[in-house]
Amino acid sequence: MITDAHGESEKAQTIVEQFVSANVDGIIVPGDIARNDQLRYGQRDAIADNLEIKQVLQVILESGLPTFVIPGNHERRSDYERAIAELSIMYQNL
């Protein structure tokens, strides 16, 4: 399970590498994929949330492992749905 990535695709990559080495059967991502500076700090987002969601999930999906994703309280529904729609075209394991 990879939770609370908050836009940190490098950390997600490290965890994915460990999962692949451990021969896990799949990955569950239970939300808080985006950093969402607006929600956390009341500041303008440095990177659009839908882009952060895509970046983090692409790192995970590149593993080829079945990946199950649900939004957390840091994902705006529209950003989450847009990212998932785009990624589901590119990755069969989502």
N, C-alpha and C. Protein backbone atom coordinates (compact mmCIF):
# COMPACT_ATOMS: atom_id res chain seq x y z
N MET A 1 0.84 -1.17 0.00
CA MET A 1 0.00 0.00 0.00
C MET A 1 0.89 1.24 0.00
N ILE A 2 0.54 2.18 -0.84
CA ILE A 2 1.22 3.47 -0.86
C ILE A 2 0.19 4.53 -0.52
N THR A 3 0.35 5.17 0.60
CA THR A 3 -0.61 6.18 1.03
C THR A 3 0.10 7.49 1.33
N ASP A 4 -0.61 8.58 1.21
CA ASP A 4 -0.09 9.91 1.53
C ASP A 4 1.19 10.25 0.78
N ALA A 5 1.20 10.02 -0.52
CA ALA A 5 2.36 10.37 -1.33
C ALA A 5 2.55 11.88 -1.41
N HIS A 6 1.45 12.63 -1.38
CA HIS A 6 1.47 14.09 -1.40
C HIS A 6 2.40 14.65 -2.47
N GLY A 7 2.30 14.09 -3.67
CA GLY A 7 3.03 14.62 -4.81
C GLY A 7 4.49 14.20 -4.89
N GLU A 8 4.95 13.38 -3.99
CA GLU A 8 6.37 13.01 -3.96
C GLU A 8 6.60 11.73 -4.76
N SER A 9 6.74 11.89 -6.07
CA SER A 9 6.89 10.74 -6.95
C SER A 9 8.21 9.99 -6.71
N GLU A 10 9.25 10.69 -6.24
CA GLU A 10 10.52 10.03 -5.97
C GLU A 10 10.37 9.01 -4.84
N LYS A 11 9.66 9.39 -3.80
CA LYS A 11 9.42 8.46 -2.69
C LYS A 11 8.54 7.30 -3.15
N ALA A 12 7.55 7.59 -3.97
CA ALA A 12 6.71 6.52 -4.51
C ALA A 12 7.56 5.55 -5.32
N GLN A 13 8.51 6.06 -6.08
CA GLN A 13 9.39 5.21 -6.88
C GLN A 13 10.20 4.27 -5.99
N THR A 14 10.71 4.78 -4.89
CA THR A 14 11.49 3.95 -3.96
C THR A 14 10.63 2.82 -3.40
N ILE A 15 9.41 3.14 -3.04
CA ILE A 15 8.51 2.12 -2.49
C ILE A 15 8.14 1.10 -3.56
N VAL A 16 7.88 1.56 -4.77
CA VAL A 16 7.54 0.65 -5.87
C VAL A 16 8.69 -0.33 -6.11
N GLU A 17 9.91 0.16 -6.10
CA GLU A 17 11.07 -0.72 -6.30
C GLU A 17 11.13 -1.80 -5.22
N GLN A 18 10.82 -1.42 -4.00
CA GLN A 18 10.80 -2.41 -2.90
C GLN A 18 9.68 -3.42 -3.11
N PHE A 19 8.52 -2.96 -3.56
CA PHE A 19 7.41 -3.87 -3.82
C PHE A 19 7.75 -4.86 -4.93
N VAL A 20 8.35 -4.36 -6.00
CA VAL A 20 8.72 -5.23 -7.12
C VAL A 20 9.73 -6.28 -6.64
N SER A 21 10.72 -5.86 -5.86
CA SER A 21 11.72 -6.79 -5.32
C SER A 21 11.08 -7.84 -4.42
N ALA A 22 10.02 -7.45 -3.71
CA ALA A 22 9.34 -8.36 -2.80
C ALA A 22 8.29 -9.22 -3.50
N ASN A 23 8.14 -9.04 -4.80
CA ASN A 23 7.16 -9.81 -5.59
C ASN A 23 5.74 -9.70 -5.07
N VAL A 24 5.32 -8.47 -4.73
CA VAL A 24 3.94 -8.28 -4.28
C VAL A 24 2.99 -8.53 -5.45
N ASP A 25 1.74 -8.81 -5.13
CA ASP A 25 0.75 -9.11 -6.16
C ASP A 25 0.09 -7.87 -6.74
N GLY A 26 0.12 -6.76 -6.02
CA GLY A 26 -0.53 -5.55 -6.48
C GLY A 26 -0.29 -4.41 -5.50
N ILE A 27 -0.75 -3.25 -5.88
CA ILE A 27 -0.55 -2.05 -5.06
C ILE A 27 -1.90 -1.37 -4.84
N ILE A 28 -2.15 -0.98 -3.61
CA ILE A 28 -3.34 -0.20 -3.27
C ILE A 28 -2.87 1.21 -2.94
N VAL A 29 -3.54 2.19 -3.52
CA VAL A 29 -3.22 3.60 -3.27
C VAL A 29 -4.48 4.25 -2.70
N PRO A 30 -4.57 4.33 -1.34
CA PRO A 30 -5.78 4.86 -0.74
C PRO A 30 -5.76 6.37 -0.50
N GLY A 31 -5.37 7.11 -1.50
CA GLY A 31 -5.55 8.54 -1.46
C GLY A 31 -4.41 9.40 -0.97
N ASP A 32 -4.70 10.68 -0.96
CA ASP A 32 -3.75 11.74 -0.65
C ASP A 32 -2.52 11.63 -1.56
N ILE A 33 -2.82 11.54 -2.84
CA ILE A 33 -1.78 11.43 -3.87
C ILE A 33 -1.21 12.81 -4.16
N ALA A 34 -2.07 13.80 -4.24
CA ALA A 34 -1.65 15.18 -4.52
C ALA A 34 -1.21 15.88 -3.25
N ARG A 35 -0.33 16.81 -3.40
CA ARG A 35 0.14 17.61 -2.27
C ARG A 35 -0.95 18.55 -1.79
N ASN A 36 -1.60 19.22 -2.74
CA ASN A 36 -2.71 20.14 -2.49
C ASN A 36 -2.33 21.21 -1.47
N ASP A 37 -1.43 22.09 -1.88
CA ASP A 37 -0.97 23.19 -1.02
C ASP A 37 -2.12 24.08 -0.56
N GLN A 38 -3.14 24.20 -1.41
CA GLN A 38 -4.30 25.03 -1.04
C GLN A 38 -4.97 24.48 0.21
N LEU A 39 -5.19 23.18 0.23
CA LEU A 39 -5.85 22.55 1.38
C LEU A 39 -4.93 22.52 2.60
N ARG A 40 -3.67 22.18 2.40
CA ARG A 40 -2.75 21.99 3.53
C ARG A 40 -2.26 23.30 4.14
N TYR A 41 -1.93 24.26 3.27
CA TYR A 41 -1.27 25.47 3.76
C TYR A 41 -1.98 26.77 3.40
N GLY A 42 -3.10 26.67 2.68
CA GLY A 42 -3.81 27.86 2.26
C GLY A 42 -3.05 28.67 1.22
N GLN A 43 -2.14 27.99 0.50
CA GLN A 43 -1.33 28.64 -0.53
C GLN A 43 -1.71 28.10 -1.90
N ARG A 44 -1.35 28.87 -2.90
CA ARG A 44 -1.58 28.44 -4.27
C ARG A 44 -0.72 27.22 -4.57
N ASP A 45 -1.30 26.25 -5.27
CA ASP A 45 -0.57 25.04 -5.62
C ASP A 45 0.59 25.36 -6.56
N ALA A 46 1.77 24.86 -6.22
CA ALA A 46 2.95 25.05 -7.07
C ALA A 46 2.80 24.25 -8.36
N ILE A 47 2.20 23.07 -8.26
CA ILE A 47 1.95 22.20 -9.40
C ILE A 47 0.47 21.83 -9.35
N ALA A 48 -0.18 21.84 -10.50
CA ALA A 48 -1.60 21.49 -10.55
C ALA A 48 -1.81 20.09 -9.97
N ASP A 49 -2.85 19.95 -9.17
CA ASP A 49 -3.11 18.67 -8.50
C ASP A 49 -3.28 17.51 -9.47
N ASN A 50 -3.98 17.74 -10.59
CA ASN A 50 -4.17 16.64 -11.53
C ASN A 50 -2.82 16.18 -12.10
N LEU A 51 -1.88 17.11 -12.26
CA LEU A 51 -0.55 16.75 -12.75
C LEU A 51 0.22 15.96 -11.68
N GLU A 52 0.11 16.38 -10.44
CA GLU A 52 0.76 15.64 -9.35
C GLU A 52 0.20 14.23 -9.24
N ILE A 53 -1.10 14.11 -9.35
CA ILE A 53 -1.72 12.79 -9.29
C ILE A 53 -1.18 11.92 -10.42
N LYS A 54 -1.15 12.47 -11.62
CA LYS A 54 -0.64 11.71 -12.76
C LYS A 54 0.82 11.32 -12.57
N GLN A 55 1.65 12.24 -12.10
CA GLN A 55 3.08 11.95 -11.93
C GLN A 55 3.30 10.82 -10.94
N VAL A 56 2.64 10.89 -9.81
CA VAL A 56 2.81 9.85 -8.78
C VAL A 56 2.28 8.51 -9.29
N LEU A 57 1.09 8.52 -9.87
CA LEU A 57 0.51 7.27 -10.33
C LEU A 57 1.29 6.66 -11.50
N GLN A 58 1.85 7.47 -12.37
CA GLN A 58 2.64 6.93 -13.47
C GLN A 58 3.83 6.14 -12.94
N VAL A 59 4.49 6.66 -11.92
CA VAL A 59 5.61 5.95 -11.30
C VAL A 59 5.15 4.58 -10.81
N ILE A 60 4.01 4.56 -10.18
CA ILE A 60 3.47 3.30 -9.64
C ILE A 60 3.04 2.37 -10.76
N LEU A 61 2.34 2.90 -11.73
CA LEU A 61 1.81 2.08 -12.82
C LEU A 61 2.90 1.50 -13.71
N GLU A 62 4.03 2.19 -13.82
CA GLU A 62 5.15 1.68 -14.61
C GLU A 62 5.65 0.34 -14.10
N SER A 63 5.33 0.01 -12.85
CA SER A 63 5.73 -1.28 -12.28
C SER A 63 5.06 -2.45 -12.99
N GLY A 64 3.92 -2.17 -13.62
CA GLY A 64 3.14 -3.22 -14.26
C GLY A 64 2.26 -3.99 -13.30
N LEU A 65 2.38 -3.71 -12.01
CA LEU A 65 1.57 -4.40 -11.01
C LEU A 65 0.13 -3.87 -11.03
N PRO A 66 -0.85 -4.74 -10.79
CA PRO A 66 -2.22 -4.26 -10.67
C PRO A 66 -2.28 -3.18 -9.59
N THR A 67 -2.91 -2.06 -9.92
CA THR A 67 -2.93 -0.92 -9.02
C THR A 67 -4.37 -0.46 -8.81
N PHE A 68 -4.76 -0.38 -7.55
CA PHE A 68 -6.11 0.02 -7.18
C PHE A 68 -6.03 1.35 -6.45
N VAL A 69 -6.76 2.34 -6.95
CA VAL A 69 -6.63 3.71 -6.45
C VAL A 69 -8.00 4.23 -6.01
N ILE A 70 -8.02 4.87 -4.85
CA ILE A 70 -9.21 5.58 -4.40
C ILE A 70 -8.78 6.99 -3.99
N PRO A 71 -9.63 7.98 -4.15
CA PRO A 71 -9.24 9.34 -3.78
C PRO A 71 -9.23 9.53 -2.27
N GLY A 72 -8.39 10.42 -1.83
CA GLY A 72 -8.35 10.81 -0.42
C GLY A 72 -8.92 12.20 -0.26
N ASN A 73 -8.74 12.77 0.90
CA ASN A 73 -9.29 14.11 1.13
C ASN A 73 -8.40 15.20 0.53
N HIS A 74 -7.28 14.85 -0.06
CA HIS A 74 -6.42 15.84 -0.72
C HIS A 74 -6.63 15.87 -2.24
N GLU A 75 -7.52 15.03 -2.74
CA GLU A 75 -7.80 15.04 -4.17
C GLU A 75 -9.14 15.69 -4.43
N ARG A 76 -9.12 16.73 -5.25
CA ARG A 76 -10.39 17.28 -5.73
C ARG A 76 -10.94 16.26 -6.72
N ARG A 77 -12.22 16.04 -6.63
CA ARG A 77 -12.83 15.01 -7.47
C ARG A 77 -12.53 15.22 -8.95
N SER A 78 -12.64 16.44 -9.43
CA SER A 78 -12.40 16.71 -10.86
C SER A 78 -10.95 16.41 -11.25
N ASP A 79 -9.99 16.78 -10.41
CA ASP A 79 -8.58 16.50 -10.70
C ASP A 79 -8.32 15.01 -10.70
N TYR A 80 -8.88 14.32 -9.71
CA TYR A 80 -8.70 12.87 -9.59
C TYR A 80 -9.30 12.16 -10.81
N GLU A 81 -10.53 12.49 -11.14
CA GLU A 81 -11.21 11.82 -12.26
C GLU A 81 -10.50 12.08 -13.58
N ARG A 82 -10.02 13.29 -13.76
CA ARG A 82 -9.30 13.63 -15.00
C ARG A 82 -8.01 12.82 -15.12
N ALA A 83 -7.25 12.75 -14.05
CA ALA A 83 -5.99 11.99 -14.06
C ALA A 83 -6.25 10.51 -14.29
N ILE A 84 -7.24 9.96 -13.61
CA ILE A 84 -7.56 8.54 -13.76
C ILE A 84 -8.01 8.23 -15.19
N ALA A 85 -8.83 9.10 -15.75
CA ALA A 85 -9.31 8.89 -17.12
C ALA A 85 -8.14 8.87 -18.10
N GLU A 86 -7.20 9.78 -17.96
CA GLU A 86 -6.05 9.83 -18.86
C GLU A 86 -5.13 8.63 -18.67
N LEU A 87 -4.88 8.27 -17.42
CA LEU A 87 -3.96 7.16 -17.14
C LEU A 87 -4.56 5.80 -17.51
N SER A 88 -5.87 5.65 -17.38
CA SER A 88 -6.48 4.35 -17.66
C SER A 88 -6.38 4.02 -19.16
N ILE A 89 -6.22 5.02 -19.99
CA ILE A 89 -6.01 4.78 -21.43
C ILE A 89 -4.61 4.23 -21.66
N MET A 90 -3.66 4.71 -20.89
CA MET A 90 -2.25 4.36 -21.09
C MET A 90 -1.83 3.09 -20.35
N TYR A 91 -2.50 2.75 -19.27
CA TYR A 91 -2.07 1.65 -18.42
C TYR A 91 -3.22 0.67 -18.18
N GLN A 92 -2.99 -0.57 -18.58
CA GLN A 92 -3.99 -1.63 -18.40
C GLN A 92 -4.07 -2.08 -16.94
N ASN A 93 -3.05 -1.80 -16.15
CA ASN A 93 -3.00 -2.28 -14.77
C ASN A 93 -3.67 -1.35 -13.76
N LEU A 94 -4.31 -0.29 -14.24
CA LEU A 94 -5.02 0.64 -13.35
C LEU A 94 -6.46 0.20 -13.22
